[in-house]
């Protein structure tokens, strides 16, 4: 059975939340999406996630939520992490850290999707080995989910590319998050893994990674601290749309997705030639 999975890049602040509330349900209908996975570690004011925002994301149409290095920035999310079955923190954090190592969503078509979040170690805070954690969790998930998806929240592209090779043949999708800039290296790997180094950012793109340009530039130029407020213009959804055969566990297609708040078009980038295709709709 063919299952369409939409993976959404880091949601940044109120602009990111707003565009999901306005566009996601129509996008799911238009593209016949069976499951929506979103990284929400920057959804609350650009850093962390609150229980109220978590509920709003589910209401907007998100089915599974992943987090990263800002998992515990808002402490009120901890009870949600402990009780809810559709949100995960990085599995290679301490075994004593609050939250679950994986989450499973059963699609309306029947096949179930398991998601795992991992965090990188290069240029990041200390964490356990993500490759060993992947081995441990995936061996468990293979008995419980038809399709396995991994969000690798990491800084270094080399670390992300390595994870793609590590997971090929054992997971169906591996996408990178954290850097907020969508890469153009989407591909189906030798053993059927859909891979991309980073799926980008859902939020204001007239910015520096979602933050206001002026103060970020001042900080870079002066090495002095300035408040990094959330920007507000050129808001877009970035992500990937992947079609997976639930019988073979292999991905068949992967496309980059870009939805603008200011235009009535969704851009779907063809993974074969990189050329954009435009879907005329009422988003």
Foldseek 3Di string as FASTA:
>chain_A
DKAKEWEWAEQAEPQLLVCLLVPVVVVCVVVVHFAYEYEHQRHHQGGGDAPVSVVSNVVSPHQAYEYEPRHCVPVNCLVVQQPPQRYAYAQQADPPRGHDQKHWDATPVGFIEIEGEHEDDVVGPDTHDSLVSCVVVLVVCVVPGLAYEYEYEYDDLVVQVVVQVSCQQRHAEYEYHNQQDFDLQFDQDPRAHTYGSHQHYFEAPCDRSQWHNPQVVVCVVPVDDDDTGGDHHFGKIWIKMWMADSVSNHTDAIWIWIGTPVDQWIWTQHSPPRDTDIDHHRD
